[in-house]
Full PDB file with SEQRES, HELIX, SHEET, SSBOND, CRYST1, ORIGX, SCALE, CONECT and MASTER records, all heavy atoms in Angstrom:
SEQRES   1 A   36  GLY GLY GLU LEU GLN PRO ASP THR VAL SER ALA PRO VAL          
SEQRES   2 A   36  ASN ASP TYR GLY ALA TRP VAL TRP THR ALA ASN SER LEU          
SEQRES   3 A   36  GLN ASN ALA GLY ASP TRP PHE SER VAL ASP                      
CRYST1    1.000    1.000    1.000  90.00  90.00  90.00 P 1           1          
ORIGX1      1.000000  0.000000  0.000000        0.00000                         
ORIGX2      0.000000  1.000000  0.000000        0.00000                         
ORIGX3      0.000000  0.000000  1.000000        0.00000                         
SCALE1      1.000000  0.000000  0.000000        0.00000                         
SCALE2      0.000000  1.000000  0.000000        0.00000                         
SCALE3      0.000000  0.000000  1.000000        0.00000                         
ATOM      1  N   GLY A   1      -9.590 -13.827   0.964  1.00  0.00           N  
ATOM      2  CA  GLY A   1     -10.944 -13.292   1.084  1.00  0.00           C  
ATOM      3  C   GLY A   1     -11.128 -11.962   0.395  1.00  0.00           C  
ATOM      4  O   GLY A   1     -11.934 -11.140   0.855  1.00  0.00           O  
ATOM      5  N   GLY A   2     -10.398 -11.722  -0.679  1.00  0.00           N  
ATOM      6  CA  GLY A   2     -10.523 -10.466  -1.399  1.00  0.00           C  
ATOM      7  C   GLY A   2      -9.871  -9.291  -0.705  1.00  0.00           C  
ATOM      8  O   GLY A   2     -10.231  -8.137  -0.951  1.00  0.00           O  
ATOM      9  N   GLU A   3      -8.888  -9.560   0.158  1.00  0.00           N  
ATOM     10  CA  GLU A   3      -8.176  -8.495   0.855  1.00  0.00           C  
ATOM     11  C   GLU A   3      -6.676  -8.744   0.802  1.00  0.00           C  
ATOM     12  O   GLU A   3      -6.216  -9.884   0.734  1.00  0.00           O  
ATOM     13  CB  GLU A   3      -8.620  -8.408   2.320  1.00  0.00           C  
ATOM     14  CG  GLU A   3     -10.052  -7.987   2.514  1.00  0.00           C  
ATOM     15  CD  GLU A   3     -10.426  -7.917   3.977  1.00  0.00           C  
ATOM     16  OE1 GLU A   3      -9.839  -8.665   4.790  1.00  0.00           O  
ATOM     17  OE2 GLU A   3     -11.310  -7.108   4.319  1.00  0.00           O  
ATOM     18  N   LEU A   4      -5.921  -7.661   0.871  1.00  0.00           N  
ATOM     19  CA  LEU A   4      -4.470  -7.729   1.004  1.00  0.00           C  
ATOM     20  C   LEU A   4      -4.121  -7.549   2.470  1.00  0.00           C  
ATOM     21  O   LEU A   4      -4.586  -6.605   3.124  1.00  0.00           O  
ATOM     22  CB  LEU A   4      -3.812  -6.622   0.179  1.00  0.00           C  
ATOM     23  CG  LEU A   4      -2.301  -6.411   0.390  1.00  0.00           C  
ATOM     24  CD1 LEU A   4      -1.510  -7.619  -0.126  1.00  0.00           C  
ATOM     25  CD2 LEU A   4      -1.836  -5.135  -0.287  1.00  0.00           C  
ATOM     26  N   GLN A   5      -3.304  -8.460   3.004  1.00  0.00           N  
ATOM     27  CA  GLN A   5      -2.938  -8.379   4.418  1.00  0.00           C  
ATOM     28  C   GLN A   5      -1.440  -8.590   4.599  1.00  0.00           C  
ATOM     29  O   GLN A   5      -0.840  -9.404   3.894  1.00  0.00           O  
ATOM     30  CB  GLN A   5      -3.695  -9.433   5.238  1.00  0.00           C  
ATOM     31  CG  GLN A   5      -5.203  -9.316   5.167  1.00  0.00           C  
ATOM     32  CD  GLN A   5      -5.892 -10.358   6.009  1.00  0.00           C  
ATOM     33  OE1 GLN A   5      -5.391 -10.757   7.065  1.00  0.00           O  
ATOM     34  NE2 GLN A   5      -7.043 -10.822   5.559  1.00  0.00           N  
ATOM     35  N   PRO A   6      -0.846  -7.862   5.541  1.00  0.00           N  
ATOM     36  CA  PRO A   6       0.554  -8.146   5.895  1.00  0.00           C  
ATOM     37  C   PRO A   6       0.596  -9.340   6.837  1.00  0.00           C  
ATOM     38  O   PRO A   6      -0.171  -9.413   7.793  1.00  0.00           O  
ATOM     39  CB  PRO A   6       1.008  -6.858   6.589  1.00  0.00           C  
ATOM     40  CG  PRO A   6      -0.244  -6.281   7.154  1.00  0.00           C  
ATOM     41  CD  PRO A   6      -1.371  -6.689   6.247  1.00  0.00           C  
ATOM     42  N   ASP A   7       1.465 -10.277   6.575  1.00  0.00           N  
ATOM     43  CA  ASP A   7       1.574 -11.479   7.389  1.00  0.00           C  
ATOM     44  C   ASP A   7       2.895 -11.432   8.144  1.00  0.00           C  
ATOM     45  O   ASP A   7       3.896 -11.994   7.721  1.00  0.00           O  
ATOM     46  CB  ASP A   7       1.505 -12.717   6.497  1.00  0.00           C  
ATOM     47  CG  ASP A   7       1.533 -14.002   7.305  1.00  0.00           C  
ATOM     48  OD1 ASP A   7       1.295 -13.939   8.521  1.00  0.00           O  
ATOM     49  OD2 ASP A   7       1.794 -15.054   6.708  1.00  0.00           O  
ATOM     50  N   THR A   8       2.895 -10.712   9.227  1.00  0.00           N  
ATOM     51  CA  THR A   8       4.142 -10.490   9.978  1.00  0.00           C  
ATOM     52  C   THR A   8       3.929 -10.856  11.435  1.00  0.00           C  
ATOM     53  O   THR A   8       4.043 -10.025  12.339  1.00  0.00           O  
ATOM     54  CB  THR A   8       4.594  -9.025   9.859  1.00  0.00           C  
ATOM     55  OG1 THR A   8       3.497  -8.194  10.279  1.00  0.00           O  
ATOM     56  CG2 THR A   8       4.963  -8.691   8.427  1.00  0.00           C  
ATOM     57  N   VAL A   9       3.592 -12.118  11.668  1.00  0.00           N  
ATOM     58  CA  VAL A   9       3.254 -12.560  13.016  1.00  0.00           C  
ATOM     59  C   VAL A   9       4.387 -12.288  13.996  1.00  0.00           C  
ATOM     60  O   VAL A   9       4.171 -11.930  15.147  1.00  0.00           O  
ATOM     61  CB  VAL A   9       2.905 -14.065  12.998  1.00  0.00           C  
ATOM     62  CG1 VAL A   9       2.633 -14.568  14.413  1.00  0.00           C  
ATOM     63  CG2 VAL A   9       1.704 -14.308  12.101  1.00  0.00           C  
ATOM     64  N   SER A  10       5.614 -12.446  13.541  1.00  0.00           N  
ATOM     65  CA  SER A  10       6.748 -12.242  14.443  1.00  0.00           C  
ATOM     66  C   SER A  10       7.497 -10.956  14.119  1.00  0.00           C  
ATOM     67  O   SER A  10       8.698 -10.863  14.338  1.00  0.00           O  
ATOM     68  CB  SER A  10       7.701 -13.438  14.338  1.00  0.00           C  
ATOM     69  OG  SER A  10       8.158 -13.587  13.009  1.00  0.00           O  
ATOM     70  N   ALA A  11       6.779  -9.976  13.577  1.00  0.00           N  
ATOM     71  CA  ALA A  11       7.450  -8.735  13.160  1.00  0.00           C  
ATOM     72  C   ALA A  11       8.041  -7.997  14.349  1.00  0.00           C  
ATOM     73  O   ALA A  11       7.394  -7.820  15.373  1.00  0.00           O  
ATOM     74  CB  ALA A  11       6.458  -7.831  12.451  1.00  0.00           C  
ATOM     75  N   PRO A  12       9.284  -7.561  14.243  1.00  0.00           N  
ATOM     76  CA  PRO A  12       9.878  -6.754  15.312  1.00  0.00           C  
ATOM     77  C   PRO A  12       9.358  -5.325  15.265  1.00  0.00           C  
ATOM     78  O   PRO A  12       8.674  -4.924  14.327  1.00  0.00           O  
ATOM     79  CB  PRO A  12      11.376  -6.796  14.970  1.00  0.00           C  
ATOM     80  CG  PRO A  12      11.399  -6.952  13.491  1.00  0.00           C  
ATOM     81  CD  PRO A  12      10.219  -7.807  13.141  1.00  0.00           C  
ATOM     82  N   VAL A  13       9.681  -4.558  16.260  1.00  0.00           N  
ATOM     83  CA  VAL A  13       9.293  -3.159  16.298  1.00  0.00           C  
ATOM     84  C   VAL A  13       9.866  -2.433  15.084  1.00  0.00           C  
ATOM     85  O   VAL A  13      11.001  -2.690  14.658  1.00  0.00           O  
ATOM     86  CB  VAL A  13       9.797  -2.506  17.604  1.00  0.00           C  
ATOM     87  CG1 VAL A  13       9.516  -1.000  17.604  1.00  0.00           C  
ATOM     88  CG2 VAL A  13       9.132  -3.159  18.807  1.00  0.00           C  
ATOM     89  N   ASN A  14       9.044  -1.520  14.535  1.00  0.00           N  
ATOM     90  CA  ASN A  14       9.426  -0.695  13.381  1.00  0.00           C  
ATOM     91  C   ASN A  14       9.531  -1.480  12.082  1.00  0.00           C  
ATOM     92  O   ASN A  14      10.089  -0.982  11.103  1.00  0.00           O  
ATOM     93  CB  ASN A  14      10.734   0.060  13.631  1.00  0.00           C  
ATOM     94  CG  ASN A  14      10.582   1.095  14.728  1.00  0.00           C  
ATOM     95  OD1 ASN A  14       9.518   1.677  14.906  1.00  0.00           O  
ATOM     96  ND2 ASN A  14      11.650   1.313  15.474  1.00  0.00           N  
ATOM     97  N   ASP A  15       9.009  -2.702  12.043  1.00  0.00           N  
ATOM     98  CA  ASP A  15       9.006  -3.445  10.794  1.00  0.00           C  
ATOM     99  C   ASP A  15       7.991  -2.805   9.851  1.00  0.00           C  
ATOM    100  O   ASP A  15       6.872  -2.484  10.238  1.00  0.00           O  
ATOM    101  CB  ASP A  15       8.622  -4.895  11.066  1.00  0.00           C  
ATOM    102  CG  ASP A  15       9.133  -5.834   9.998  1.00  0.00           C  
ATOM    103  OD1 ASP A  15       9.973  -5.399   9.200  1.00  0.00           O  
ATOM    104  OD2 ASP A  15       8.687  -6.988   9.973  1.00  0.00           O  
ATOM    105  N   TYR A  16       8.384  -2.639   8.585  1.00  0.00           N  
ATOM    106  CA  TYR A  16       7.598  -1.839   7.649  1.00  0.00           C  
ATOM    107  C   TYR A  16       7.656  -2.441   6.250  1.00  0.00           C  
ATOM    108  O   TYR A  16       8.659  -2.999   5.844  1.00  0.00           O  
ATOM    109  CB  TYR A  16       8.168  -0.410   7.598  1.00  0.00           C  
ATOM    110  CG  TYR A  16       7.563   0.453   6.527  1.00  0.00           C  
ATOM    111  CD1 TYR A  16       6.399   1.169   6.756  1.00  0.00           C  
ATOM    112  CD2 TYR A  16       8.149   0.531   5.271  1.00  0.00           C  
ATOM    113  CE1 TYR A  16       5.837   1.948   5.759  1.00  0.00           C  
ATOM    114  CE2 TYR A  16       7.605   1.308   4.269  1.00  0.00           C  
ATOM    115  CZ  TYR A  16       6.440   2.014   4.523  1.00  0.00           C  
ATOM    116  OH  TYR A  16       5.880   2.770   3.525  1.00  0.00           O  
ATOM    117  N   GLY A  17       6.562  -2.328   5.517  1.00  0.00           N  
ATOM    118  CA  GLY A  17       6.569  -2.766   4.136  1.00  0.00           C  
ATOM    119  C   GLY A  17       5.458  -2.096   3.349  1.00  0.00           C  
ATOM    120  O   GLY A  17       4.452  -1.672   3.915  1.00  0.00           O  
ATOM    121  N   ALA A  18       5.621  -1.989   2.031  1.00  0.00           N  
ATOM    122  CA  ALA A  18       4.620  -1.351   1.183  1.00  0.00           C  
ATOM    123  C   ALA A  18       4.653  -1.951  -0.211  1.00  0.00           C  
ATOM    124  O   ALA A  18       5.704  -2.363  -0.704  1.00  0.00           O  
ATOM    125  CB  ALA A  18       4.863   0.151   1.102  1.00  0.00           C  
ATOM    126  N   TRP A  19       3.478  -2.000  -0.831  1.00  0.00           N  
ATOM    127  CA  TRP A  19       3.358  -2.359  -2.235  1.00  0.00           C  
ATOM    128  C   TRP A  19       2.904  -1.118  -2.996  1.00  0.00           C  
ATOM    129  O   TRP A  19       1.898  -0.500  -2.630  1.00  0.00           O  
ATOM    130  CB  TRP A  19       2.338  -3.474  -2.430  1.00  0.00           C  
ATOM    131  CG  TRP A  19       2.815  -4.812  -1.967  1.00  0.00           C  
ATOM    132  CD1 TRP A  19       2.507  -5.435  -0.798  1.00  0.00           C  
ATOM    133  CD2 TRP A  19       3.682  -5.706  -2.673  1.00  0.00           C  
ATOM    134  NE1 TRP A  19       3.117  -6.652  -0.710  1.00  0.00           N  
ATOM    135  CE2 TRP A  19       3.853  -6.849  -1.864  1.00  0.00           C  
ATOM    136  CE3 TRP A  19       4.329  -5.640  -3.911  1.00  0.00           C  
ATOM    137  CZ2 TRP A  19       4.639  -7.935  -2.246  1.00  0.00           C  
ATOM    138  CZ3 TRP A  19       5.112  -6.721  -4.290  1.00  0.00           C  
ATOM    139  CH2 TRP A  19       5.267  -7.850  -3.471  1.00  0.00           C  
ATOM    140  N   VAL A  20       3.617  -0.741  -4.049  1.00  0.00           N  
ATOM    141  CA  VAL A  20       3.314   0.493  -4.770  1.00  0.00           C  
ATOM    142  C   VAL A  20       2.891   0.168  -6.199  1.00  0.00           C  
ATOM    143  O   VAL A  20       3.593  -0.547  -6.923  1.00  0.00           O  
ATOM    144  CB  VAL A  20       4.536   1.443  -4.773  1.00  0.00           C  
ATOM    145  CG1 VAL A  20       4.235   2.694  -5.582  1.00  0.00           C  
ATOM    146  CG2 VAL A  20       4.897   1.816  -3.348  1.00  0.00           C  
ATOM    147  N   TRP A  21       1.730   0.686  -6.595  1.00  0.00           N  
ATOM    148  CA  TRP A  21       1.219   0.473  -7.951  1.00  0.00           C  
ATOM    149  C   TRP A  21       2.121   1.205  -8.943  1.00  0.00           C  
ATOM    150  O   TRP A  21       2.398   2.388  -8.788  1.00  0.00           O  
ATOM    151  CB  TRP A  21      -0.212   0.979  -8.049  1.00  0.00           C  
ATOM    152  CG  TRP A  21      -0.880   0.644  -9.343  1.00  0.00           C  
ATOM    153  CD1 TRP A  21      -0.936   1.429 -10.460  1.00  0.00           C  
ATOM    154  CD2 TRP A  21      -1.575  -0.553  -9.662  1.00  0.00           C  
ATOM    155  NE1 TRP A  21      -1.627   0.786 -11.453  1.00  0.00           N  
ATOM    156  CE2 TRP A  21      -2.033  -0.438 -10.996  1.00  0.00           C  
ATOM    157  CE3 TRP A  21      -1.866  -1.728  -8.964  1.00  0.00           C  
ATOM    158  CZ2 TRP A  21      -2.769  -1.438 -11.635  1.00  0.00           C  
ATOM    159  CZ3 TRP A  21      -2.591  -2.731  -9.595  1.00  0.00           C  
ATOM    160  CH2 TRP A  21      -3.038  -2.573 -10.905  1.00  0.00           C  
ATOM    161  N   THR A  22       2.570   0.500  -9.972  1.00  0.00           N  
ATOM    162  CA  THR A  22       3.607   1.063 -10.841  1.00  0.00           C  
ATOM    163  C   THR A  22       3.073   1.746 -12.101  1.00  0.00           C  
ATOM    164  O   THR A  22       3.768   2.551 -12.705  1.00  0.00           O  
ATOM    165  CB  THR A  22       4.594  -0.029 -11.276  1.00  0.00           C  
ATOM    166  OG1 THR A  22       3.884  -1.078 -11.957  1.00  0.00           O  
ATOM    167  CG2 THR A  22       5.309  -0.622 -10.071  1.00  0.00           C  
ATOM    168  N   ALA A  23       1.850   1.438 -12.523  1.00  0.00           N  
ATOM    169  CA  ALA A  23       1.389   1.915 -13.832  1.00  0.00           C  
ATOM    170  C   ALA A  23       0.790   3.318 -13.805  1.00  0.00           C  
ATOM    171  O   ALA A  23       0.801   4.018 -14.809  1.00  0.00           O  
ATOM    172  CB  ALA A  23       0.365   0.943 -14.412  1.00  0.00           C  
ATOM    173  N   ASN A  24       0.241   3.733 -12.684  1.00  0.00           N  
ATOM    174  CA  ASN A  24      -0.417   5.039 -12.575  1.00  0.00           C  
ATOM    175  C   ASN A  24       0.237   5.855 -11.477  1.00  0.00           C  
ATOM    176  O   ASN A  24       0.743   5.309 -10.501  1.00  0.00           O  
ATOM    177  CB  ASN A  24      -1.906   4.872 -12.274  1.00  0.00           C  
ATOM    178  CG  ASN A  24      -2.615   3.988 -13.282  1.00  0.00           C  
ATOM    179  OD1 ASN A  24      -2.704   2.781 -13.088  1.00  0.00           O  
ATOM    180  ND2 ASN A  24      -3.120   4.573 -14.347  1.00  0.00           N  
ATOM    181  N   SER A  25       0.189   7.170 -11.625  1.00  0.00           N  
ATOM    182  CA  SER A  25       0.798   8.051 -10.631  1.00  0.00           C  
ATOM    183  C   SER A  25       0.029   9.349 -10.535  1.00  0.00           C  
ATOM    184  O   SER A  25      -0.777   9.684 -11.407  1.00  0.00           O  
ATOM    185  CB  SER A  25       2.260   8.335 -10.990  1.00  0.00           C  
ATOM    186  OG  SER A  25       2.340   8.998 -12.247  1.00  0.00           O  
ATOM    187  N   LEU A  26       0.274  10.086  -9.459  1.00  0.00           N  
ATOM    188  CA  LEU A  26      -0.289  11.426  -9.298  1.00  0.00           C  
ATOM    189  C   LEU A  26       0.584  12.398 -10.083  1.00  0.00           C  
ATOM    190  O   LEU A  26       1.767  12.541  -9.788  1.00  0.00           O  
ATOM    191  CB  LEU A  26      -0.308  11.825  -7.825  1.00  0.00           C  
ATOM    192  CG  LEU A  26      -1.096  10.922  -6.875  1.00  0.00           C  
ATOM    193  CD1 LEU A  26      -0.915  11.388  -5.431  1.00  0.00           C  
ATOM    194  CD2 LEU A  26      -2.575  10.896  -7.234  1.00  0.00           C  
ATOM    195  N   GLN A  27      -0.004  13.077 -11.078  1.00  0.00           N  
ATOM    196  CA  GLN A  27       0.774  14.011 -11.882  1.00  0.00           C  
ATOM    197  C   GLN A  27       0.090  15.355 -12.061  1.00  0.00           C  
ATOM    198  O   GLN A  27       0.762  16.383 -12.134  1.00  0.00           O  
ATOM    199  CB  GLN A  27       1.059  13.415 -13.266  1.00  0.00           C  
ATOM    200  CG  GLN A  27       1.898  12.149 -13.238  1.00  0.00           C  
ATOM    201  CD  GLN A  27       2.424  11.770 -14.596  1.00  0.00           C  
ATOM    202  OE1 GLN A  27       3.113  12.554 -15.245  1.00  0.00           O  
ATOM    203  NE2 GLN A  27       2.105  10.575 -15.047  1.00  0.00           N  
ATOM    204  N   ASN A  28      -1.239  15.360 -12.152  1.00  0.00           N  
ATOM    205  CA  ASN A  28      -1.973  16.589 -12.440  1.00  0.00           C  
ATOM    206  C   ASN A  28      -2.960  16.900 -11.331  1.00  0.00           C  
ATOM    207  O   ASN A  28      -3.410  16.005 -10.592  1.00  0.00           O  
ATOM    208  CB  ASN A  28      -2.718  16.448 -13.770  1.00  0.00           C  
ATOM    209  CG  ASN A  28      -1.793  16.112 -14.912  1.00  0.00           C  
ATOM    210  OD1 ASN A  28      -0.842  16.843 -15.180  1.00  0.00           O  
ATOM    211  ND2 ASN A  28      -2.035  14.995 -15.587  1.00  0.00           N  
ATOM    212  N   ALA A  29      -3.310  18.171 -11.206  1.00  0.00           N  
ATOM    213  CA  ALA A  29      -4.273  18.591 -10.194  1.00  0.00           C  
ATOM    214  C   ALA A  29      -5.572  17.818 -10.373  1.00  0.00           C  
ATOM    215  O   ALA A  29      -6.118  17.734 -11.468  1.00  0.00           O  
ATOM    216  CB  ALA A  29      -4.526  20.088 -10.305  1.00  0.00           C  
ATOM    217  N   GLY A  30      -6.052  17.236  -9.298  1.00  0.00           N  
ATOM    218  CA  GLY A  30      -7.278  16.455  -9.325  1.00  0.00           C  
ATOM    219  C   GLY A  30      -7.054  14.959  -9.355  1.00  0.00           C  
ATOM    220  O   GLY A  30      -7.971  14.188  -9.063  1.00  0.00           O  
ATOM    221  N   ASP A  31      -5.839  14.503  -9.688  1.00  0.00           N  
ATOM    222  CA  ASP A  31      -5.549  13.068  -9.657  1.00  0.00           C  
ATOM    223  C   ASP A  31      -5.606  12.570  -8.215  1.00  0.00           C  
ATOM    224  O   ASP A  31      -5.153  13.256  -7.297  1.00  0.00           O  
ATOM    225  CB  ASP A  31      -4.153  12.785 -10.212  1.00  0.00           C  
ATOM    226  CG  ASP A  31      -4.041  13.047 -11.703  1.00  0.00           C  
ATOM    227  OD1 ASP A  31      -5.067  13.349 -12.336  1.00  0.00           O  
ATOM    228  OD2 ASP A  31      -2.911  12.957 -12.228  1.00  0.00           O  
ATOM    229  N   TRP A  32      -6.150  11.344  -8.010  1.00  0.00           N  
ATOM    230  CA  TRP A  32      -6.166  10.805  -6.654  1.00  0.00           C  
ATOM    231  C   TRP A  32      -6.099   9.288  -6.639  1.00  0.00           C  
ATOM    232  O   TRP A  32      -6.432   8.620  -7.607  1.00  0.00           O  
ATOM    233  CB  TRP A  32      -7.369  11.284  -5.851  1.00  0.00           C  
ATOM    234  CG  TRP A  32      -8.751  11.021  -6.415  1.00  0.00           C  
ATOM    235  CD1 TRP A  32      -9.541  11.920  -7.067  1.00  0.00           C  
ATOM    236  CD2 TRP A  32      -9.515   9.801  -6.337  1.00  0.00           C  
ATOM    237  NE1 TRP A  32     -10.740  11.336  -7.418  1.00  0.00           N  
ATOM    238  CE2 TRP A  32     -10.750  10.039  -6.980  1.00  0.00           C  
ATOM    239  CE3 TRP A  32      -9.277   8.545  -5.803  1.00  0.00           C  
ATOM    240  CZ2 TRP A  32     -11.751   9.063  -7.097  1.00  0.00           C  
ATOM    241  CZ3 TRP A  32     -10.263   7.553  -5.917  1.00  0.00           C  
ATOM    242  CH2 TRP A  32     -11.478   7.827  -6.552  1.00  0.00           C  
ATOM    243  N   PHE A  33      -5.611   8.771  -5.511  1.00  0.00           N  
ATOM    244  CA  PHE A  33      -5.661   7.356  -5.184  1.00  0.00           C  
ATOM    245  C   PHE A  33      -6.487   7.211  -3.906  1.00  0.00           C  
ATOM    246  O   PHE A  33      -6.504   8.109  -3.061  1.00  0.00           O  
ATOM    247  CB  PHE A  33      -4.260   6.795  -4.877  1.00  0.00           C  
ATOM    248  CG  PHE A  33      -3.453   6.397  -6.075  1.00  0.00           C  
ATOM    249  CD1 PHE A  33      -2.653   7.315  -6.728  1.00  0.00           C  
ATOM    250  CD2 PHE A  33      -3.468   5.087  -6.542  1.00  0.00           C  
ATOM    251  CE1 PHE A  33      -1.891   6.957  -7.818  1.00  0.00           C  
ATOM    252  CE2 PHE A  33      -2.699   4.715  -7.636  1.00  0.00           C  
ATOM    253  CZ  PHE A  33      -1.907   5.648  -8.279  1.00  0.00           C  
ATOM    254  N   SER A  34      -7.138   6.046  -3.741  1.00  0.00           N  
ATOM    255  CA  SER A  34      -7.809   5.745  -2.480  1.00  0.00           C  
ATOM    256  C   SER A  34      -7.709   4.249  -2.222  1.00  0.00           C  
ATOM    257  O   SER A  34      -7.501   3.453  -3.151  1.00  0.00           O  
ATOM    258  CB  SER A  34      -9.279   6.176  -2.501  1.00  0.00           C  
ATOM    259  OG  SER A  34     -10.043   5.351  -3.360  1.00  0.00           O  
ATOM    260  N   VAL A  35      -7.872   3.874  -0.952  1.00  0.00           N  
ATOM    261  CA  VAL A  35      -7.890   2.464  -0.593  1.00  0.00           C  
ATOM    262  C   VAL A  35      -8.762   2.308   0.651  1.00  0.00           C  
ATOM    263  O   VAL A  35      -8.850   3.216   1.485  1.00  0.00           O  
ATOM    264  CB  VAL A  35      -6.461   1.928  -0.337  1.00  0.00           C  
ATOM    265  CG1 VAL A  35      -5.894   2.442   0.990  1.00  0.00           C  
ATOM    266  CG2 VAL A  35      -6.412   0.407  -0.404  1.00  0.00           C  
ATOM    267  N   ASP A  36      -9.446   1.167   0.747  1.00  0.00           N  
ATOM    268  CA  ASP A  36     -10.213   0.835   1.947  1.00  0.00           C  
ATOM    269  C   ASP A  36      -9.293   0.098   2.909  1.00  0.00           C  
ATOM    270  O   ASP A  36      -8.589  -0.843   2.518  1.00  0.00           O  
ATOM    271  CB  ASP A  36     -11.414  -0.039   1.595  1.00  0.00           C  
ATOM    272  CG  ASP A  36     -12.412   0.670   0.691  1.00  0.00           C  
ATOM    273  OD1 ASP A  36     -12.437   1.914   0.710  1.00  0.00           O  
ATOM    274  OD2 ASP A  36     -13.155  -0.021  -0.027  1.00  0.00           O  
TER     275      ASP A  36                                                      
MASTER        0    0    0    0    0    0    0    6  274    1    0    3          
END                                                                             
């Protein structure tokens, strides 16, 4: 439905994951990332 969701129905406590965008990064003053 146009969204990214973690599918961890049986996730134990402290289960963690992340997807990191590889092409762009914060390098200079004023650079920013945002997400809904």
